[in-house]
C-alpha atoms as a PDB file:
ATOM      1  CA  MET A   1     -20.168   4.879  13.432  1.00  0.00           C
ATOM      2  CA  GLU A   2     -21.537   5.019   9.886  1.00  0.00           C
ATOM      3  CA  GLN A   3     -20.052   8.480   9.364  1.00  0.00           C
ATOM      4  CA  VAL A   4     -16.626   7.304  10.524  1.00  0.00           C
ATOM      5  CA  GLN A   5     -16.748   4.340   8.111  1.00  0.00           C
ATOM      6  CA  LEU A   6     -17.708   6.649   5.247  1.00  0.00           C
ATOM      7  CA  LYS A   7     -14.761   8.894   6.036  1.00  0.00           C
ATOM      8  CA  PHE A   8     -12.391   5.923   5.986  1.00  0.00           C
ATOM      9  CA  ASN A   9     -13.785   4.735   2.639  1.00  0.00           C
ATOM     10  CA  SER A  10     -13.118   8.077   0.984  1.00  0.00           C
ATOM     11  CA  SER A  11      -9.673   8.321   2.548  1.00  0.00           C
ATOM     12  CA  ILE A  12      -8.637   4.901   1.257  1.00  0.00           C
ATOM     13  CA  PHE A  13      -9.444   5.975  -2.304  1.00  0.00           C
ATOM     14  CA  LYS A  14      -7.555   9.237  -1.910  1.00  0.00           C
ATOM     15  CA  GLN A  15      -4.509   7.692  -0.256  1.00  0.00           C
ATOM     16  CA  ILE A  16      -4.103   4.577  -2.330  1.00  0.00           C
ATOM     17  CA  LEU A  17      -5.055   5.753  -5.787  1.00  0.00           C
ATOM     18  CA  ILE A  18      -3.825   9.318  -5.828  1.00  0.00           C
ATOM     19  CA  LYS A  19      -1.027   9.514  -3.296  1.00  0.00           C
ATOM     20  CA  ASP A  20       0.490   6.093  -3.726  1.00  0.00           C
ATOM     21  CA  MET A  21      -0.288   4.737  -7.178  1.00  0.00           C
ATOM     22  CA  LEU A  22      -0.115   7.980  -9.132  1.00  0.00           C
ATOM     23  CA  ALA A  23       2.215  10.170  -7.063  1.00  0.00           C
ATOM     24  CA  ARG A  24       4.717   7.426  -6.232  1.00  0.00           C
ATOM     25  CA  GLY A  25       4.247   4.620  -8.724  1.00  0.00           C
ATOM     26  CA  ILE A  26       4.590   6.597 -11.938  1.00  0.00           C
ATOM     27  CA  PRO A  27       7.692   8.637 -10.988  1.00  0.00           C
ATOM     28  CA  ILE A  28       9.456   5.552  -9.642  1.00  0.00           C
ATOM     29  CA  ALA A  29       8.682   3.624 -12.845  1.00  0.00           C
ATOM     30  CA  LEU A  30       9.990   6.475 -14.978  1.00  0.00           C
ATOM     31  CA  LEU A  31      13.121   6.794 -12.838  1.00  0.00           C
ATOM     32  CA  PHE A  32      13.695   3.055 -13.139  1.00  0.00           C
ATOM     33  CA  GLN A  33      13.381   3.264 -16.928  1.00  0.00           C
ATOM     34  CA  VAL A  34      15.814   6.183 -17.148  1.00  0.00           C
ATOM     35  CA  LEU A  35      18.356   4.407 -14.937  1.00  0.00           C
ATOM     36  CA  SER A  36      18.062   1.150 -16.876  1.00  0.00           C
ATOM     37  CA  HIS A  37      18.435   3.116 -20.104  1.00  0.00           C
ATOM     38  CA  PHE A  38      21.784   4.537 -19.008  1.00  0.00           C
ATOM     39  CA  MET A  39      23.085   1.542 -17.060  1.00  0.00           C
ATOM     40  CA  TYR A  40      22.090  -1.298 -19.378  1.00  0.00           C
ATOM     41  CA  HIS A  41      21.877   0.590 -22.700  1.00  0.00           C
ATOM     42  CA  ARG A  42      18.267  -0.419 -23.264  1.00  0.00           C
ATOM     43  CA  GLY A  43      15.780   1.699 -25.141  1.00  0.00           C
ATOM     44  CA  LEU A  44      14.127   4.336 -22.974  1.00  0.00           C
ATOM     45  CA  LEU A  45      10.627   3.101 -23.751  1.00  0.00           C
ATOM     46  CA  ASP A  46      11.437  -0.629 -23.735  1.00  0.00           C
ATOM     47  CA  GLY A  47       9.370  -2.115 -20.955  1.00  0.00           C
ATOM     48  CA  ILE A  48       7.750   1.134 -19.792  1.00  0.00           C
ATOM     49  CA  GLY A  49       4.314  -0.534 -19.707  1.00  0.00           C
ATOM     50  CA  ILE A  50       5.484  -3.359 -17.470  1.00  0.00           C
ATOM     51  CA  SER A  51       7.371  -0.933 -15.228  1.00  0.00           C
ATOM     52  CA  LEU A  52       4.312   1.274 -14.817  1.00  0.00           C
ATOM     53  CA  ILE A  53       2.090  -1.680 -13.957  1.00  0.00           C
ATOM     54  CA  VAL A  54       4.522  -3.251 -11.505  1.00  0.00           C
ATOM     55  CA  PHE A  55       5.489  -0.077  -9.677  1.00  0.00           C
ATOM     56  CA  MET A  56       1.916   1.223  -9.503  1.00  0.00           C
ATOM     57  CA  LEU A  57       0.671  -2.076  -8.094  1.00  0.00           C
ATOM     58  CA  ALA A  58       3.510  -2.228  -5.584  1.00  0.00           C
ATOM     59  CA  SER A  59       2.836   1.358  -4.501  1.00  0.00           C
ATOM     60  CA  GLY A  60      -0.882   0.640  -4.212  1.00  0.00           C
ATOM     61  CA  LEU A  61      -0.238  -2.442  -2.123  1.00  0.00           C
ATOM     62  CA  SER A  62       2.075  -0.585   0.251  1.00  0.00           C
ATOM     63  CA  GLY A  63      -0.490   2.230   0.438  1.00  0.00           C
ATOM     64  CA  PHE A  64      -3.212  -0.249   1.364  1.00  0.00           C
ATOM     65  CA  PHE A  65      -1.133  -1.623   4.224  1.00  0.00           C
ATOM     66  CA  LYS A  66      -0.282   1.877   5.434  1.00  0.00           C
ATOM     67  CA  TRP A  67      -3.965   2.810   5.363  1.00  0.00           C
ATOM     68  CA  LYS A  68      -4.930  -0.410   7.185  1.00  0.00           C
ATOM     69  CA  MET A  69      -2.386   0.303   9.935  1.00  0.00           C
ATOM     70  CA  LYS A  70      -3.745   3.841  10.248  1.00  0.00           C
ATOM     71  CA  VAL A  71      -7.321   2.542  10.613  1.00  0.00           C
ATOM     72  CA  ASN A  72      -6.274  -0.004  13.216  1.00  0.00           C
ATOM     73  CA  LYS A  73      -4.426   2.680  15.171  1.00  0.00           C
ATOM     74  CA  VAL A  74      -7.498   4.954  15.169  1.00  0.00           C
ATOM     75  CA  LYS A  75      -9.750   2.066  16.245  1.00  0.00           C
ATOM     76  CA  ALA A  76      -7.354   1.163  19.057  1.00  0.00           C
ATOM     77  CA  GLN A  77      -7.322   4.744  20.329  1.00  0.00           C
ATOM     78  CA  ARG A  78     -11.135   4.820  20.469  1.00  0.00           C
ATOM     79  CA  LYS A  79     -11.349   1.748  22.714  1.00  0.00           C
END
């Protein structure tokens, strides 16, 4: 059981931080900034910090819930 828990702890770091926050959050924030630059005639770098923070947190939160559902599914299959 301890080995399974250790595997889940390393997978949560990999999935949430790398796959969700970095691989999804940053490109979505940059895309949002580019679209708002062309649609609303704002500066390209106006608000990039806020966009990065918000989209990375949102991606991390969705990644946590996806990981939690995955863990619950694996636990249910073992019972």
